[in-house]
Amino acid sequence: MSEQDKIQLFEDQPIRTAWDEEKEEWYFSVVDVIGVLTDQPD
């Protein structure tokens, strides 16, 4: 995990993120987001 890769919290659940310096955009783990939205642990 680089310095720009971080864990963000959404509703107290971890969401893996990555920053693309070239495009200046954040990317979020779809698996983590869907897990939080559907209340699934994995």
PDB file of N, CA and C in Angstrom:
ATOM      1  N   MET A   1       0.856  -1.180   0.000  1.00  0.00           N
ATOM      2  CA  MET A   1       0.000   0.000   0.000  1.00  0.00           C
ATOM      3  C   MET A   1       0.898   1.238   0.000  1.00  0.00           C
ATOM      4  N   SER A   2       0.690   2.107  -0.966  1.00  0.00           N
ATOM      5  CA  SER A   2       1.510   3.309  -1.045  1.00  0.00           C
ATOM      6  C   SER A   2       0.971   4.382  -0.101  1.00  0.00           C
ATOM      7  N   GLU A   3       1.699   5.505  -0.049  1.00  0.00           N
ATOM      8  CA  GLU A   3       1.255   6.591   0.819  1.00  0.00           C
ATOM      9  C   GLU A   3      -0.100   7.131   0.378  1.00  0.00           C
ATOM     10  N   GLN A   4      -0.417   7.015  -0.903  1.00  0.00           N
ATOM     11  CA  GLN A   4      -1.674   7.550  -1.410  1.00  0.00           C
ATOM     12  C   GLN A   4      -2.825   6.564  -1.271  1.00  0.00           C
ATOM     13  N   ASP A   5      -2.553   5.314  -0.940  1.00  0.00           N
ATOM     14  CA  ASP A   5      -3.607   4.327  -0.720  1.00  0.00           C
ATOM     15  C   ASP A   5      -4.028   4.421   0.739  1.00  0.00           C
ATOM     16  N   LYS A   6      -5.310   4.544   0.948  1.00  0.00           N
ATOM     17  CA  LYS A   6      -5.800   4.750   2.303  1.00  0.00           C
ATOM     18  C   LYS A   6      -7.039   3.912   2.550  1.00  0.00           C
ATOM     19  N   ILE A   7      -7.375   3.786   3.824  1.00  0.00           N
ATOM     20  CA  ILE A   7      -8.625   3.164   4.246  1.00  0.00           C
ATOM     21  C   ILE A   7      -9.535   4.297   4.695  1.00  0.00           C
ATOM     22  N   GLN A   8     -10.679   4.415   4.061  1.00  0.00           N
ATOM     23  CA  GLN A   8     -11.677   5.419   4.437  1.00  0.00           C
ATOM     24  C   GLN A   8     -12.781   4.705   5.199  1.00  0.00           C
ATOM     25  N   LEU A   9     -13.494   5.433   6.038  1.00  0.00           N
ATOM     26  CA  LEU A   9     -14.613   4.844   6.766  1.00  0.00           C
ATOM     27  C   LEU A   9     -15.923   5.384   6.214  1.00  0.00           C
ATOM     28  N   PHE A  10     -16.874   4.483   6.023  1.00  0.00           N
ATOM     29  CA  PHE A  10     -18.226   4.841   5.607  1.00  0.00           C
ATOM     30  C   PHE A  10     -19.158   4.086   6.525  1.00  0.00           C
ATOM     31  N   GLU A  11     -19.954   4.813   7.296  1.00  0.00           N
ATOM     32  CA  GLU A  11     -20.827   4.206   8.294  1.00  0.00           C
ATOM     33  C   GLU A  11     -20.040   3.249   9.192  1.00  0.00           C
ATOM     34  N   ASP A  12     -18.855   3.695   9.622  1.00  0.00           N
ATOM     35  CA  ASP A  12     -17.956   2.956  10.517  1.00  0.00           C
ATOM     36  C   ASP A  12     -17.426   1.656   9.916  1.00  0.00           C
ATOM     37  N   GLN A  13     -17.500   1.500   8.605  1.00  0.00           N
ATOM     38  CA  GLN A  13     -16.967   0.320   7.927  1.00  0.00           C
ATOM     39  C   GLN A  13     -15.792   0.754   7.043  1.00  0.00           C
ATOM     40  N   PRO A  14     -14.715  -0.044   6.976  1.00  0.00           N
ATOM     41  CA  PRO A  14     -13.558   0.333   6.164  1.00  0.00           C
ATOM     42  C   PRO A  14     -13.815   0.163   4.671  1.00  0.00           C
ATOM     43  N   ILE A  15     -13.379   1.155   3.898  1.00  0.00           N
ATOM     44  CA  ILE A  15     -13.456   1.122   2.433  1.00  0.00           C
ATOM     45  C   ILE A  15     -12.039   1.373   1.912  1.00  0.00           C
ATOM     46  N   ARG A  16     -11.504   0.426   1.152  1.00  0.00           N
ATOM     47  CA  ARG A  16     -10.166   0.605   0.591  1.00  0.00           C
ATOM     48  C   ARG A  16     -10.229   1.614  -0.557  1.00  0.00           C
ATOM     49  N   THR A  17      -9.263   2.541  -0.566  1.00  0.00           N
ATOM     50  CA  THR A  17      -9.208   3.560  -1.604  1.00  0.00           C
ATOM     51  C   THR A  17      -7.792   3.661  -2.148  1.00  0.00           C
ATOM     52  N   ALA A  18      -7.682   4.235  -3.333  1.00  0.00           N
ATOM     53  CA  ALA A  18      -6.372   4.482  -3.940  1.00  0.00           C
ATOM     54  C   ALA A  18      -6.440   5.802  -4.694  1.00  0.00           C
ATOM     55  N   TRP A  19      -5.381   6.584  -4.620  1.00  0.00           N
ATOM     56  CA  TRP A  19      -5.299   7.875  -5.296  1.00  0.00           C
ATOM     57  C   TRP A  19      -4.427   7.723  -6.542  1.00  0.00           C
ATOM     58  N   ASP A  20      -4.943   8.154  -7.678  1.00  0.00           N
ATOM     59  CA  ASP A  20      -4.187   8.140  -8.932  1.00  0.00           C
ATOM     60  C   ASP A  20      -3.698   9.563  -9.178  1.00  0.00           C
ATOM     61  N   GLU A  21      -2.383   9.792  -8.956  1.00  0.00           N
ATOM     62  CA  GLU A  21      -1.835  11.141  -9.099  1.00  0.00           C
ATOM     63  C   GLU A  21      -1.930  11.649 -10.525  1.00  0.00           C
ATOM     64  N   GLU A  22      -1.724  10.768 -11.503  1.00  0.00           N
ATOM     65  CA  GLU A  22      -1.742  11.181 -12.899  1.00  0.00           C
ATOM     66  C   GLU A  22      -3.121  11.715 -13.313  1.00  0.00           C
ATOM     67  N   LYS A  23      -4.168  11.015 -12.907  1.00  0.00           N
ATOM     68  CA  LYS A  23      -5.533  11.425 -13.249  1.00  0.00           C
ATOM     69  C   LYS A  23      -6.161  12.304 -12.176  1.00  0.00           C
ATOM     70  N   GLU A  24      -5.494  12.388 -11.012  1.00  0.00           N
ATOM     71  CA  GLU A  24      -5.988  13.136  -9.862  1.00  0.00           C
ATOM     72  C   GLU A  24      -7.405  12.705  -9.497  1.00  0.00           C
ATOM     73  N   GLU A  25      -7.571  11.377  -9.295  1.00  0.00           N
ATOM     74  CA  GLU A  25      -8.858  10.807  -8.950  1.00  0.00           C
ATOM     75  C   GLU A  25      -8.695   9.772  -7.847  1.00  0.00           C
ATOM     76  N   TRP A  26      -9.716   9.667  -6.995  1.00  0.00           N
ATOM     77  CA  TRP A  26      -9.775   8.607  -6.005  1.00  0.00           C
ATOM     78  C   TRP A  26     -10.483   7.416  -6.608  1.00  0.00           C
ATOM     79  N   TYR A  27     -10.041   6.224  -6.257  1.00  0.00           N
ATOM     80  CA  TYR A  27     -10.702   4.980  -6.649  1.00  0.00           C
ATOM     81  C   TYR A  27     -11.100   4.256  -5.371  1.00  0.00           C
ATOM     82  N   PHE A  28     -12.293   3.672  -5.377  1.00  0.00           N
ATOM     83  CA  PHE A  28     -12.824   2.983  -4.209  1.00  0.00           C
ATOM     84  C   PHE A  28     -13.041   1.518  -4.534  1.00  0.00           C
ATOM     85  N   SER A  29     -12.829   0.649  -3.561  1.00  0.00           N
ATOM     86  CA  SER A  29     -13.057  -0.778  -3.741  1.00  0.00           C
ATOM     87  C   SER A  29     -14.554  -1.047  -3.842  1.00  0.00           C
ATOM     88  N   VAL A  30     -14.995  -1.526  -4.998  1.00  0.00           N
ATOM     89  CA  VAL A  30     -16.409  -1.822  -5.219  1.00  0.00           C
ATOM     90  C   VAL A  30     -16.873  -2.908  -4.251  1.00  0.00           C
ATOM     91  N   VAL A  31     -16.035  -3.902  -4.018  1.00  0.00           N
ATOM     92  CA  VAL A  31     -16.385  -4.992  -3.110  1.00  0.00           C
ATOM     93  C   VAL A  31     -16.665  -4.450  -1.708  1.00  0.00           C
ATOM     94  N   ASP A  32     -15.821  -3.527  -1.233  1.00  0.00           N
ATOM     95  CA  ASP A  32     -16.009  -2.947   0.100  1.00  0.00           C
ATOM     96  C   ASP A  32     -17.286  -2.115   0.158  1.00  0.00           C
ATOM     97  N   VAL A  33     -17.534  -1.299  -0.873  1.00  0.00           N
ATOM     98  CA  VAL A  33     -18.722  -0.441  -0.896  1.00  0.00           C
ATOM     99  C   VAL A  33     -19.993  -1.288  -0.906  1.00  0.00           C
ATOM    100  N   ILE A  34     -20.040  -2.310  -1.759  1.00  0.00           N
ATOM    101  CA  ILE A  34     -21.221  -3.177  -1.828  1.00  0.00           C
ATOM    102  C   ILE A  34     -21.417  -3.914  -0.513  1.00  0.00           C
ATOM    103  N   GLY A  35     -20.330  -4.346   0.115  1.00  0.00           N
ATOM    104  CA  GLY A  35     -20.414  -5.020   1.402  1.00  0.00           C
ATOM    105  C   GLY A  35     -21.060  -4.135   2.463  1.00  0.00           C
ATOM    106  N   VAL A  36     -20.685  -2.860   2.487  1.00  0.00           N
ATOM    107  CA  VAL A  36     -21.274  -1.930   3.454  1.00  0.00           C
ATOM    108  C   VAL A  36     -22.743  -1.686   3.128  1.00  0.00           C
ATOM    109  N   LEU A  37     -23.046  -1.460   1.847  1.00  0.00           N
ATOM    110  CA  LEU A  37     -24.425  -1.155   1.455  1.00  0.00           C
ATOM    111  C   LEU A  37     -25.377  -2.334   1.663  1.00  0.00           C
ATOM    112  N   THR A  38     -24.863  -3.562   1.551  1.00  0.00           N
ATOM    113  CA  THR A  38     -25.723  -4.736   1.729  1.00  0.00           C
ATOM    114  C   THR A  38     -25.569  -5.336   3.125  1.00  0.00           C
ATOM    115  N   ASP A  39     -24.758  -4.683   3.963  1.00  0.00           N
ATOM    116  CA  ASP A  39     -24.542  -5.121   5.341  1.00  0.00           C
ATOM    117  C   ASP A  39     -23.966  -6.534   5.400  1.00  0.00           C
ATOM    118  N   GLN A  40     -23.000  -6.823   4.523  1.00  0.00           N
ATOM    119  CA  GLN A  40     -22.328  -8.110   4.483  1.00  0.00           C
ATOM    120  C   GLN A  40     -20.912  -7.952   5.016  1.00  0.00           C
ATOM    121  N   PRO A  41     -20.425  -8.874   5.838  1.00  0.00           N
ATOM    122  CA  PRO A  41     -19.081  -8.753   6.400  1.00  0.00           C
ATOM    123  C   PRO A  41     -17.970  -8.982   5.373  1.00  0.00           C
ATOM    124  N   ASP A  42     -18.188  -9.820   4.337  1.00  0.00           N
ATOM    125  CA  ASP A  42     -17.161 -10.101   3.330  1.00  0.00           C
ATOM    126  C   ASP A  42     -17.727  -9.965   1.942  1.00  0.00           C
TER     127      ASP A  42
END
